């Protein structure tokens, strides 16, 4: 019986892997995503692989990088030794991280959701293999997939820890505990939000220790959970402290600008000062996520990623009711995960608790991508638990049949929506290079402007809106951010002080037209025109600076 059960498990995992491979191949885009951040990760990985350290290369003067933690670039740097400059290989590596995350989630759900756990895990992970936004983020050189794999690894280890065996100094359990501490430390180096899963794990161990202490059956049964809680906290503290020491060494008195996103008002330099400021922000974010982004991320992903941010989108009473009911079902599913209820619920709550304090303009699906597979699994598990409970209370002899039917119907609805919404990314992926994008497309024009400088002298410096994108597509020429404020005279002074040789004026990013164009119009003799790309009324133009 056990052999047949193991065989079935491997068959289901194979189906998940095949489904992932088919869907991933369909939306796989060999081009670099133009969000900008992934270009910086890629450049930082090259700096580490060359042995230059964690430094910014695209500016004229090589400087220590301060914005991103180094975990994901360091991970990529390991593989750049194997396939240097192979962007496609690195993208596939991110896809494999997503598949690993699903395998870990399959194991977690299977072992925590009772007799039907195998099928709940299978249906949940199968649904995730179709999700267009999860697939898209697994093709972008960003830290989400690595963080997802590590966070699910932490949850899986928490599930496997046996404190009775730890008390007996079982070497396998000791190795698991060491691995847990290493993964906890790594989360902070991968994403600042890695604190969420660490705090959730520490809370789960603290609650377990308290429960054991209150039972009073074995006075020592609480010691190992409490000790594990302490080790998890110390691992996070060690990681954070080492990163802070590095930053302080590089720039004495350095303070991260991460908290600025919280303490400043949306799209403003004004500070959040009053209680009313915070309640207004939290109210808007609750509306955005509960009534819009969480439901749409599962049932209508295209709307969630292409619609203007809430609260500009009208939200109806039906949206509120649907969102609240959906979240309640998810919470029921998380609570039904045997032995993991505190961990999974607190992990999700901490993640969204942070998002409630985030600037409203940043609301969106991308900020909870690493948690989204867990939300989908929670929805499937919650639906199973609720339907089987209701069917049992109604006296149905085969309550489980009704529960199976419910999760199958739910899965088909989500998969159907996902397949339809995949078309956006499939169509974009069909263009294998930026040159194949439609004429006058601002992305195509900007990349073409960058490529114009491939034959420029090595010390040529260009001011552009996205220096990290320019650096890669210009053949690794240095670039500076164009001025984003100032009078024409101040813009000229900025270009002179930084020894800029040319400027890209583009209509993809409007800053150039807002601040650089007035300087060009006032001092045309300083800006000889080199190239015009696209429409004459709103071109992407390249100017020499004299």
Protein backbone atom coordinates (compact mmCIF):
# COMPACT_ATOMS: atom_id res chain seq x y z
CA UNK A 1 0.00 0.00 0.00
CA UNK A 2 2.82 2.36 0.92
CA UNK A 3 4.63 1.61 -2.35
CA UNK A 4 1.51 2.43 -4.39
CA UNK A 5 0.99 5.63 -2.38
CA UNK A 6 4.58 6.71 -3.07
CA UNK A 7 4.15 5.88 -6.75
CA UNK A 8 0.98 8.00 -6.91
CA UNK A 9 2.77 10.87 -5.23
CA UNK A 10 5.57 10.79 -7.80
CA UNK A 11 3.04 10.59 -10.65
CA UNK A 12 1.23 13.68 -9.34
CA UNK A 13 4.52 15.55 -8.95
CA UNK A 14 5.40 14.59 -12.53
CA UNK A 15 2.07 15.99 -13.74
CA UNK A 16 2.78 19.25 -11.88
CA UNK A 17 6.27 19.44 -13.41
CA UNK A 18 4.95 18.74 -16.94
CA UNK A 19 2.18 21.31 -16.55
CA UNK A 20 4.73 23.85 -15.33
CA UNK A 21 7.08 23.14 -18.23
CA UNK A 22 4.32 23.55 -20.84
CA UNK A 23 2.98 26.80 -19.36
CA UNK A 24 6.44 28.19 -18.65
CA UNK A 25 7.60 27.54 -22.20
CA UNK A 26 4.48 29.30 -23.50
CA UNK A 27 5.09 32.57 -21.66
CA UNK A 28 8.91 32.44 -21.55
CA UNK A 29 10.35 35.74 -22.74
CA UNK A 30 14.06 35.68 -23.65
CA UNK A 31 14.25 39.48 -23.43
CA UNK A 32 15.27 41.26 -20.25
CA UNK A 33 12.26 42.71 -18.47
CA UNK A 34 12.38 46.50 -18.63
CA UNK A 35 11.38 47.23 -15.02
CA UNK A 36 14.98 48.33 -14.38
CA UNK A 37 15.57 46.53 -11.08
CA UNK A 38 16.42 43.25 -12.79
CA UNK A 39 19.13 45.03 -14.81
CA UNK A 40 20.68 46.18 -11.55
CA UNK A 41 20.56 42.65 -10.11
CA UNK A 42 22.21 41.35 -13.29
CA UNK A 43 24.93 44.01 -13.20
CA UNK A 44 25.58 43.42 -9.47
CA UNK A 45 25.89 39.69 -10.12
CA UNK A 46 28.57 40.41 -12.74
CA UNK A 47 30.44 42.65 -10.28
CA UNK A 48 30.48 39.87 -7.70
CA UNK A 49 31.42 37.21 -10.26
CA UNK A 50 34.41 39.31 -11.39
CA UNK A 51 35.57 39.74 -7.81
CA UNK A 52 34.97 43.50 -7.76
CA UNK A 53 32.63 43.24 -4.80
CA UNK A 54 29.09 44.48 -4.35
CA UNK A 55 29.48 47.63 -6.44
CA UNK A 56 27.53 49.64 -9.01
CA UNK A 57 29.20 49.45 -12.42
CA UNK A 58 27.01 51.50 -14.73
CA UNK A 59 28.02 54.91 -13.31
CA UNK A 60 31.31 56.54 -14.40
CA UNK A 61 32.81 55.97 -10.95
CA UNK A 62 32.43 52.49 -9.46
CA UNK A 63 30.62 52.87 -6.13
CA UNK A 64 29.48 50.45 -3.38
CA UNK A 65 25.87 49.46 -3.94
CA UNK A 66 23.48 50.24 -1.09
CA UNK A 67 19.93 49.73 -2.35
CA UNK A 68 19.41 45.97 -2.73
CA UNK A 69 20.60 43.33 -0.26
CA UNK A 70 23.20 41.10 -1.97
CA UNK A 71 21.53 37.68 -1.68
CA UNK A 72 20.03 37.31 -5.15
CA UNK A 73 22.97 38.87 -7.05
CA UNK A 74 25.32 36.56 -5.11
CA UNK A 75 23.14 33.58 -6.08
CA UNK A 76 23.29 34.59 -9.76
CA UNK A 77 27.04 35.24 -9.54
CA UNK A 78 27.60 31.57 -8.69
CA UNK A 79 26.01 30.53 -11.98
CA UNK A 80 27.65 33.26 -14.05
CA UNK A 81 30.85 31.26 -13.53
CA UNK A 82 29.14 28.41 -15.39
CA UNK A 83 27.33 30.32 -18.16
CA UNK A 84 28.62 33.93 -18.30
CA UNK A 85 26.38 36.53 -19.99
CA UNK A 86 23.69 33.91 -20.65
CA UNK A 87 20.50 35.76 -19.69
CA UNK A 88 18.25 32.94 -20.93
CA UNK A 89 20.01 30.42 -18.67
CA UNK A 90 19.57 32.69 -15.65
CA UNK A 91 15.89 33.15 -16.47
CA UNK A 92 15.42 29.37 -16.67
CA UNK A 93 17.19 29.09 -13.32
CA UNK A 94 14.53 31.38 -11.86
CA UNK A 95 11.86 29.14 -13.37
CA UNK A 96 13.45 26.12 -11.68
CA UNK A 97 13.33 28.01 -8.38
CA UNK A 98 9.58 28.44 -8.88
CA UNK A 99 9.18 24.73 -9.63
CA UNK A 100 11.20 23.92 -6.49
CA UNK A 101 8.89 26.22 -4.51
CA UNK A 102 5.85 24.32 -5.80
CA UNK A 103 7.44 20.97 -4.90
CA UNK A 104 8.12 22.25 -1.37
CA UNK A 105 4.58 23.60 -1.13
CA UNK A 106 3.20 20.26 -2.36
CA UNK A 107 5.04 18.52 0.47
CA UNK A 108 3.94 21.09 3.07
CA UNK A 109 0.26 20.95 2.13
CA UNK A 110 0.20 17.17 1.65
CA UNK A 111 1.52 16.59 5.15
CA UNK A 112 -0.59 19.19 6.91
CA UNK A 113 -4.12 18.90 5.53
CA UNK A 114 -5.31 15.48 6.69
CA UNK A 115 -6.37 12.40 4.71
CA UNK A 116 -7.17 14.38 1.58
CA UNK A 117 -3.87 16.26 1.79
CA UNK A 118 -2.34 14.59 -1.27
CA UNK A 119 -5.16 15.74 -3.54
CA UNK A 120 -5.48 19.19 -1.99
CA UNK A 121 -1.74 19.65 -2.53
CA UNK A 122 -1.94 18.37 -6.11
CA UNK A 123 -4.89 20.56 -7.12
CA UNK A 124 -3.36 23.64 -5.45
CA UNK A 125 0.06 23.30 -7.06
CA UNK A 126 -1.44 22.40 -10.44
CA UNK A 127 -3.44 25.65 -10.35
CA UNK A 128 -0.21 27.55 -9.57
CA UNK A 129 1.47 26.15 -12.70
CA UNK A 130 -1.08 28.03 -14.83
CA UNK A 131 -1.01 31.35 -12.98
CA UNK A 132 0.21 33.99 -15.49
CA UNK A 133 1.71 36.46 -13.01
CA UNK A 134 3.58 33.79 -11.06
CA UNK A 135 4.93 32.40 -14.33
CA UNK A 136 5.93 35.87 -15.50
CA UNK A 137 7.87 36.62 -12.31
CA UNK A 138 9.65 33.31 -12.65
CA UNK A 139 11.10 34.55 -15.98
CA UNK A 140 12.36 37.88 -14.59
CA UNK A 141 15.79 38.23 -12.97
CA UNK A 142 14.35 39.37 -9.65
CA UNK A 143 14.58 38.01 -6.10
CA UNK A 144 10.95 36.88 -5.73
CA UNK A 145 11.49 33.24 -6.77
CA UNK A 146 14.60 32.74 -4.65
CA UNK A 147 12.83 34.23 -1.66
CA UNK A 148 9.76 32.07 -2.30
CA UNK A 149 11.87 28.90 -2.41
CA UNK A 150 13.76 29.83 0.77
CA UNK A 151 10.60 30.84 2.67
CA UNK A 152 8.83 27.59 1.76
CA UNK A 153 12.02 25.76 2.73
CA UNK A 154 11.83 27.39 6.16
CA UNK A 155 8.18 26.35 6.55
CA UNK A 156 9.02 22.78 5.48
CA UNK A 157 11.84 22.56 8.03
CA UNK A 158 9.57 23.93 10.76
CA UNK A 159 7.15 21.16 9.84
CA UNK A 160 9.89 18.51 10.11
CA UNK A 161 11.45 19.60 13.39
CA UNK A 162 10.87 17.03 16.12
CA UNK A 163 11.73 18.52 19.51
CA UNK A 164 11.65 15.17 21.29
CA UNK A 165 14.36 13.93 18.95
CA UNK A 166 16.25 17.18 19.40
CA UNK A 167 16.24 16.58 23.15
CA UNK A 168 17.85 13.22 22.44
CA UNK A 169 20.41 15.01 20.24
CA UNK A 170 19.36 13.26 17.02
CA UNK A 171 21.96 14.36 14.44
CA UNK A 172 19.41 14.66 11.61
CA UNK A 173 17.32 17.06 13.67
CA UNK A 174 20.41 19.04 14.63
CA UNK A 175 21.30 19.39 10.94
CA UNK A 176 17.74 20.57 10.22
CA UNK A 177 18.05 23.17 12.96
CA UNK A 178 21.37 24.40 11.55
CA UNK A 179 19.87 24.57 8.06
CA UNK A 180 16.88 26.50 9.44
CA UNK A 181 19.19 29.12 10.96
CA UNK A 182 21.15 29.45 7.72
CA UNK A 183 17.96 29.89 5.66
CA UNK A 184 16.62 32.42 8.17
CA UNK A 185 19.81 34.47 7.85
CA UNK A 186 19.70 34.24 4.06
CA UNK A 187 16.14 35.61 3.82
CA UNK A 188 17.25 39.02 5.06
CA UNK A 189 20.02 39.11 2.44
CA UNK A 190 17.52 38.17 -0.29
CA UNK A 191 14.64 40.53 0.56
CA UNK A 192 14.05 42.96 3.39
CA UNK A 193 10.53 41.51 3.60
CA UNK A 194 12.20 38.22 4.54
CA UNK A 195 11.67 39.43 8.09
CA UNK A 196 8.02 38.35 7.69
CA UNK A 197 8.67 34.60 7.47
CA UNK A 198 11.34 34.83 10.20
CA UNK A 199 9.01 36.59 12.62
CA UNK A 200 6.26 34.12 11.79
CA UNK A 201 8.56 31.15 12.51
CA UNK A 202 9.79 32.70 15.77
CA UNK A 203 6.19 33.35 16.85
CA UNK A 204 5.17 29.76 16.03
CA UNK A 205 8.00 28.34 18.17
CA UNK A 206 7.23 30.79 20.98
CA UNK A 207 3.56 29.74 21.00
CA UNK A 208 4.55 26.06 21.03
CA UNK A 209 6.95 26.67 23.94
CA UNK A 210 4.20 28.47 25.87
CA UNK A 211 1.74 25.65 25.25
CA UNK A 212 4.22 23.06 26.48
CA UNK A 213 4.98 25.18 29.54
CA UNK A 214 1.29 25.52 30.41
CA UNK A 215 0.68 21.78 30.10
CA UNK A 216 3.06 21.14 33.02
CA UNK A 217 3.36 17.48 32.04
CA UNK A 218 7.03 17.63 31.24
CA UNK A 219 8.89 20.60 32.68
CA UNK A 220 11.57 20.39 30.00
CA UNK A 221 9.33 20.01 26.92
CA UNK A 222 9.19 23.78 26.38
CA UNK A 223 12.97 24.26 26.38
CA UNK A 224 13.77 23.22 22.81
CA UNK A 225 10.92 25.19 21.17
CA UNK A 226 12.00 28.24 23.19
CA UNK A 227 15.65 27.67 22.27
CA UNK A 228 14.72 27.31 18.59
CA UNK A 229 12.76 30.56 18.79
CA UNK A 230 15.83 32.26 20.22
CA UNK A 231 18.16 30.79 17.57
CA UNK A 232 15.83 31.98 14.78
CA UNK A 233 15.78 35.49 16.25
CA UNK A 234 19.57 35.51 16.67
CA UNK A 235 20.06 34.33 13.06
CA UNK A 236 18.00 37.26 11.81
CA UNK A 237 19.83 39.65 14.13
CA UNK A 238 23.23 38.40 12.95
CA UNK A 239 22.28 38.85 9.29
CA UNK A 240 20.87 42.33 9.81
CA UNK A 241 23.79 43.44 11.97
CA UNK A 242 26.40 42.24 9.47
CA UNK A 243 24.65 44.08 6.63
CA UNK A 244 24.35 47.25 8.74
CA UNK A 245 28.05 47.05 9.68
CA UNK A 246 28.99 46.75 6.01
CA UNK A 247 26.87 49.78 5.10
CA UNK A 248 28.24 51.81 8.01
CA UNK A 249 31.78 50.93 6.94
CA UNK A 250 31.10 52.00 3.36
CA UNK A 251 29.21 55.21 4.22
CA UNK A 252 29.56 56.29 7.87
CA UNK A 253 26.17 57.29 9.24
CA UNK A 254 24.35 55.59 6.34
CA UNK A 255 20.63 55.07 6.82
CA UNK A 256 18.57 52.95 4.44
CA UNK A 257 15.90 54.75 2.45
CA UNK A 258 13.62 51.69 2.76
CA UNK A 259 11.59 53.29 5.56
CA UNK A 260 11.08 56.45 3.48
CA UNK A 261 8.39 54.57 1.57
CA UNK A 262 6.43 54.29 4.80
CA UNK A 263 7.04 57.64 6.47
CA UNK A 264 6.47 59.83 3.40
CA UNK A 265 3.07 60.57 1.94
CA UNK A 266 2.21 59.07 -1.42
CA UNK A 267 3.98 60.82 -4.33
CA UNK A 268 5.11 63.59 -1.98
CA UNK A 269 8.06 64.64 0.14
CA UNK A 270 5.70 65.46 3.00
CA UNK A 271 5.93 63.24 6.07
CA UNK A 272 3.20 61.09 7.61
CA UNK A 273 2.60 63.06 10.80
CA UNK A 274 -0.88 62.59 12.22
CA UNK A 275 -2.94 59.59 13.28
CA UNK A 276 -5.37 60.59 10.55
CA UNK A 277 -2.63 60.26 7.91
CA UNK A 278 -2.06 56.65 8.91
CA UNK A 279 -5.73 55.69 9.21
CA UNK A 280 -6.38 57.18 5.76
CA UNK A 281 -3.51 55.21 4.23
CA UNK A 282 -4.50 51.96 5.94
CA UNK A 283 -8.12 52.44 4.88
CA UNK A 284 -7.12 52.94 1.24
CA UNK A 285 -4.80 49.92 1.29
CA UNK A 286 -7.41 47.68 2.92
CA UNK A 287 -9.81 48.69 0.19
CA UNK A 288 -7.18 48.06 -2.49
CA UNK A 289 -6.14 44.60 -1.32
CA UNK A 290 -9.32 43.16 0.20
CA UNK A 291 -11.79 44.32 -2.44
CA UNK A 292 -9.53 44.25 -5.48
CA UNK A 293 -5.97 42.92 -5.59
CA UNK A 294 -6.31 39.69 -3.59
CA UNK A 295 -9.48 38.47 -5.40
CA UNK A 296 -8.30 39.66 -8.82
CA UNK A 297 -4.85 38.10 -8.35
CA UNK A 298 -6.55 34.70 -8.38
CA UNK A 299 -9.65 35.04 -10.55
CA UNK A 300 -8.74 37.83 -12.97
CA UNK A 301 -5.01 38.44 -12.99
CA UNK A 302 -5.04 40.57 -16.14
CA UNK A 303 -7.30 43.14 -14.47
CA UNK A 304 -5.10 43.17 -11.37
CA UNK A 305 -1.95 44.04 -13.32
CA UNK A 306 -3.34 46.30 -16.08
CA UNK A 307 -5.96 48.34 -14.23
CA UNK A 308 -5.10 51.70 -12.67
CA UNK A 309 -4.40 51.35 -8.94
CA UNK A 310 -7.22 51.29 -6.46
CA UNK A 311 -8.77 53.55 -5.11
CA UNK A 312 -9.13 55.18 -8.55
CA UNK A 313 -10.98 52.02 -9.65
CA UNK A 314 -14.60 51.94 -8.43
CA UNK A 315 -15.17 49.26 -5.80
CA UNK A 316 -18.70 48.02 -5.23
CA UNK A 317 -20.34 46.47 -2.17
CA UNK A 318 -20.23 43.13 -4.01
CA UNK A 319 -16.45 43.50 -4.38
CA UNK A 320 -16.16 44.01 -0.64
CA UNK A 321 -18.35 41.02 0.19
CA UNK A 322 -16.51 38.77 -2.27
CA UNK A 323 -13.10 39.87 -1.01
CA UNK A 324 -13.98 39.38 2.65
CA UNK A 325 -15.50 35.94 2.04
CA UNK A 326 -12.48 34.91 -0.01
CA UNK A 327 -10.08 35.94 2.75
CA UNK A 328 -12.15 34.11 5.38
CA UNK A 329 -11.97 30.91 3.30
CA UNK A 330 -8.20 31.37 2.98
CA UNK A 331 -7.83 31.86 6.73
CA UNK A 332 -9.88 28.70 7.28
CA UNK A 333 -7.52 26.86 4.94
CA UNK A 334 -4.40 28.18 6.69
CA UNK A 335 -5.82 27.30 10.11
CA UNK A 336 -6.64 23.78 8.89
CA UNK A 337 -2.96 23.08 8.17
CA UNK A 338 -2.13 20.79 11.07
CA UNK A 339 0.82 22.01 13.12
CA UNK A 340 1.37 25.03 10.84
CA UNK A 341 -1.66 27.20 11.58
CA UNK A 342 0.19 29.78 13.67
CA UNK A 343 3.13 29.89 11.26
CA UNK A 344 1.17 30.23 8.02
CA UNK A 345 -1.47 32.62 9.36
CA UNK A 346 1.10 34.91 10.98
CA UNK A 347 3.30 34.80 7.85
CA UNK A 348 0.42 36.01 5.67
CA UNK A 349 -0.80 38.57 8.22
CA UNK A 350 2.69 40.06 8.71
CA UNK A 351 3.19 40.36 4.94
CA UNK A 352 -0.09 42.15 4.39
CA UNK A 353 0.31 44.12 7.62
CA UNK A 354 3.42 45.71 6.11
CA UNK A 355 1.59 46.38 2.84
CA UNK A 356 -1.15 48.21 4.74
CA UNK A 357 1.48 50.75 5.83
CA UNK A 358 3.04 51.05 2.37
CA UNK A 359 2.37 54.07 0.15
CA UNK A 360 -0.97 53.62 -1.61
CA UNK A 361 0.55 54.15 -5.06
CA UNK A 362 2.59 50.95 -4.66
CA UNK A 363 -0.41 48.70 -4.08
CA UNK A 364 -0.39 45.78 -6.48
CA UNK A 365 0.06 42.06 -7.03
CA UNK A 366 3.87 42.23 -7.39
CA UNK A 367 4.27 42.99 -3.68
CA UNK A 368 2.77 39.69 -2.54
CA UNK A 369 3.99 37.42 -5.36
CA UNK A 370 6.08 35.23 -2.96
CA UNK A 371 2.99 34.62 -0.80
CA UNK A 372 0.51 34.10 -3.65
CA UNK A 373 1.01 30.30 -4.07
CA UNK A 374 0.32 29.90 -0.34
CA UNK A 375 -2.88 31.97 -0.72
CA UNK A 376 -4.03 29.74 -3.58
CA UNK A 377 -3.32 26.61 -1.53
CA UNK A 378 -5.15 28.17 1.43
CA UNK A 379 -8.17 28.85 -0.77
CA UNK A 380 -8.27 25.24 -2.03
CA UNK A 381 -7.74 23.82 1.49
CA UNK A 382 -10.29 26.18 3.00
CA UNK A 383 -12.88 25.26 0.37
CA UNK A 384 -12.29 21.57 1.12
CA UNK A 385 -12.58 22.08 4.87
CA UNK A 386 -15.74 24.21 4.71
CA UNK A 387 -17.60 22.09 2.13
CA UNK A 388 -16.76 18.80 3.85
CA UNK A 389 -17.86 20.27 7.22
CA UNK A 390 -21.16 21.59 5.84
CA UNK A 391 -21.84 18.36 3.94
CA UNK A 392 -21.17 16.38 7.11
CA UNK A 393 -23.51 18.56 9.15
CA UNK A 394 -26.22 18.07 6.53
CA UNK A 395 -25.87 14.33 6.96
CA UNK A 396 -24.41 13.57 3.55
CA UNK A 397 -22.93 10.07 3.59
CA UNK A 398 -20.20 11.03 1.14
CA UNK A 399 -19.24 14.47 2.36
CA UNK A 400 -15.77 14.02 0.91
CA UNK A 401 -17.24 13.60 -2.58
CA UNK A 402 -18.86 17.02 -2.31
CA UNK A 403 -15.55 18.48 -1.09
CA UNK A 404 -13.63 16.92 -3.98
CA UNK A 405 -16.20 18.25 -6.44
CA UNK A 406 -15.95 21.74 -4.93
CA UNK A 407 -12.16 22.00 -5.21
CA UNK A 408 -12.19 20.56 -8.74
CA UNK A 409 -14.76 23.14 -9.88
CA UNK A 410 -12.83 25.91 -8.13
CA UNK A 411 -9.58 24.77 -9.76
CA UNK A 412 -11.18 24.68 -13.22
CA UNK A 413 -12.54 28.21 -12.77
CA UNK A 414 -9.11 29.57 -11.76
CA UNK A 415 -7.25 27.64 -14.48
CA UNK A 416 -9.72 28.84 -17.12
CA UNK A 417 -9.16 32.45 -16.09
CA UNK A 418 -5.39 31.94 -15.94
CA UNK A 419 -5.19 30.43 -19.44
CA UNK A 420 -7.13 33.41 -20.82
CA UNK A 421 -4.93 35.93 -18.98
CA UNK A 422 -1.72 34.21 -20.10
CA UNK A 423 -2.34 35.64 -23.59
CA UNK A 424 -0.90 39.02 -22.56
CA UNK A 425 2.47 37.48 -21.71
CA UNK A 426 2.40 34.91 -24.51
CA UNK A 427 1.94 37.67 -27.08
CA UNK A 428 4.77 39.74 -25.61
CA UNK A 429 7.04 36.69 -25.36
CA UNK A 430 6.42 35.98 -29.05
CA UNK A 431 8.56 39.03 -29.87
CA UNK A 432 12.04 37.61 -29.35
CA UNK A 433 13.78 40.98 -29.40
CA UNK A 434 12.89 44.63 -28.80
CA UNK A 435 13.29 45.32 -32.51
CA UNK A 436 10.19 43.22 -33.16
CA UNK A 437 8.01 45.46 -31.01
CA UNK A 438 5.55 47.70 -32.90
CA UNK A 439 6.91 50.85 -34.53
CA UNK A 440 6.93 53.91 -32.24
CA UNK A 441 6.84 51.67 -29.17
CA UNK A 442 8.69 53.72 -26.48
CA UNK A 443 10.56 50.68 -25.16
CA UNK A 444 11.81 49.77 -28.62
CA UNK A 445 12.91 53.36 -29.24
CA UNK A 446 14.74 53.66 -25.92
CA UNK A 447 16.63 50.39 -26.45
CA UNK A 448 17.51 51.54 -29.99
CA UNK A 449 18.85 54.80 -28.55
CA UNK A 450 21.00 52.81 -26.10
CA UNK A 451 22.38 50.63 -28.90
CA UNK A 452 23.39 53.78 -30.81
CA UNK A 453 26.34 54.12 -28.40
CA UNK A 454 27.79 50.62 -28.89
CA UNK A 455 30.60 52.07 -31.02
CA UNK A 456 31.19 55.09 -28.77
CA UNK A 457 34.56 55.56 -27.00
CA UNK A 458 34.92 53.56 -23.81
CA UNK A 459 34.96 56.63 -21.56
CA UNK A 460 31.82 58.15 -23.12
CA UNK A 461 29.20 59.13 -20.48
CA UNK A 462 25.50 59.41 -21.32
CA UNK A 463 22.70 60.83 -19.17
CA UNK A 464 19.52 58.76 -19.47
CA UNK A 465 16.40 57.98 -17.48
CA UNK A 466 17.36 54.35 -16.79
CA UNK A 467 21.17 54.12 -16.54
CA UNK A 468 21.09 50.43 -15.62
CA UNK A 469 19.16 49.61 -18.83
CA UNK A 470 21.41 51.86 -20.90
CA UNK A 471 24.53 50.17 -19.48
CA UNK A 472 23.56 46.71 -20.74
CA UNK A 473 22.15 47.69 -24.16
CA UNK A 474 24.90 50.20 -25.01
CA UNK A 475 27.60 47.58 -24.72
CA UNK A 476 28.49 48.50 -21.11
CA UNK A 477 29.03 52.23 -21.50
CA UNK A 478 28.66 54.36 -18.40
CA UNK A 479 25.55 56.38 -17.71
CA UNK A 480 24.05 58.75 -15.18
CA UNK A 481 20.46 59.46 -14.27
CA UNK A 482 19.13 62.52 -16.06
CA UNK A 483 18.15 65.41 -13.77
CA UNK A 484 14.67 64.92 -12.34
CA UNK A 485 14.25 68.49 -11.18
CA UNK A 486 15.80 71.91 -11.58
CA UNK A 487 15.93 74.93 -13.84
CA UNK A 488 17.67 74.82 -17.25
CA UNK A 489 20.74 76.36 -15.64
CA UNK A 490 20.76 73.74 -12.87
CA UNK A 491 20.40 70.97 -15.46
CA UNK A 492 23.38 72.36 -17.41
CA UNK A 493 25.42 72.57 -14.21
CA UNK A 494 24.58 68.95 -13.35
CA UNK A 495 25.70 67.73 -16.79
CA UNK A 496 28.92 69.74 -16.59
CA UNK A 497 29.77 68.58 -13.07
CA UNK A 498 29.38 64.95 -14.09
CA UNK A 499 31.29 65.29 -17.40
CA UNK A 500 28.33 64.07 -19.47
CA UNK A 501 28.98 63.66 -23.22
CA UNK A 502 25.43 62.99 -24.49
CA UNK A 503 21.79 62.94 -23.39
CA UNK A 504 18.89 60.67 -24.35
CA UNK A 505 15.51 62.41 -24.55
CA UNK A 506 12.79 59.75 -24.56
CA UNK A 507 9.01 59.60 -24.21
CA UNK A 508 8.95 56.30 -22.30
CA UNK A 509 10.05 58.08 -19.14
CA UNK A 510 8.69 61.63 -19.03
CA UNK A 511 11.40 63.18 -16.84
CA UNK A 512 13.55 64.05 -19.84
CA UNK A 513 10.77 66.05 -21.50
CA UNK A 514 9.93 67.76 -18.21
CA UNK A 515 13.40 68.90 -17.15
CA UNK A 516 16.00 68.30 -19.89
CA UNK A 517 14.00 69.57 -22.88
CA UNK A 518 13.64 73.11 -21.42
CA UNK A 519 17.45 73.25 -21.09
CA UNK A 520 17.85 72.08 -24.71
CA UNK A 521 15.37 74.68 -25.92
CA UNK A 522 17.05 77.49 -23.97
CA UNK A 523 20.64 76.53 -24.84
CA UNK A 524 20.40 74.75 -28.23
CA UNK A 525 24.05 75.50 -29.00
CA UNK A 526 25.03 73.20 -26.09
CA UNK A 527 23.01 70.27 -27.47
CA UNK A 528 23.79 69.36 -31.13
CA UNK A 529 21.26 66.80 -32.38
CA UNK A 530 22.78 63.39 -33.18
CA UNK A 531 19.80 61.13 -33.92
CA UNK A 532 15.99 61.17 -33.99
CA UNK A 533 14.09 57.91 -33.48
CA UNK A 534 10.35 57.56 -33.98
CA UNK A 535 7.68 60.23 -34.43
CA UNK A 536 8.75 63.80 -35.13
CA UNK A 537 6.18 65.28 -32.73
CA UNK A 538 7.33 63.21 -29.73
CA UNK A 539 10.59 61.51 -30.63
CA UNK A 540 13.25 59.65 -28.80
CA UNK A 541 16.21 61.89 -29.54
CA UNK A 542 19.95 61.77 -28.86
CA UNK A 543 21.83 64.98 -28.20
CA UNK A 544 25.53 65.61 -27.82
CA UNK A 545 26.39 67.84 -24.85
CA UNK A 546 29.12 70.44 -25.35
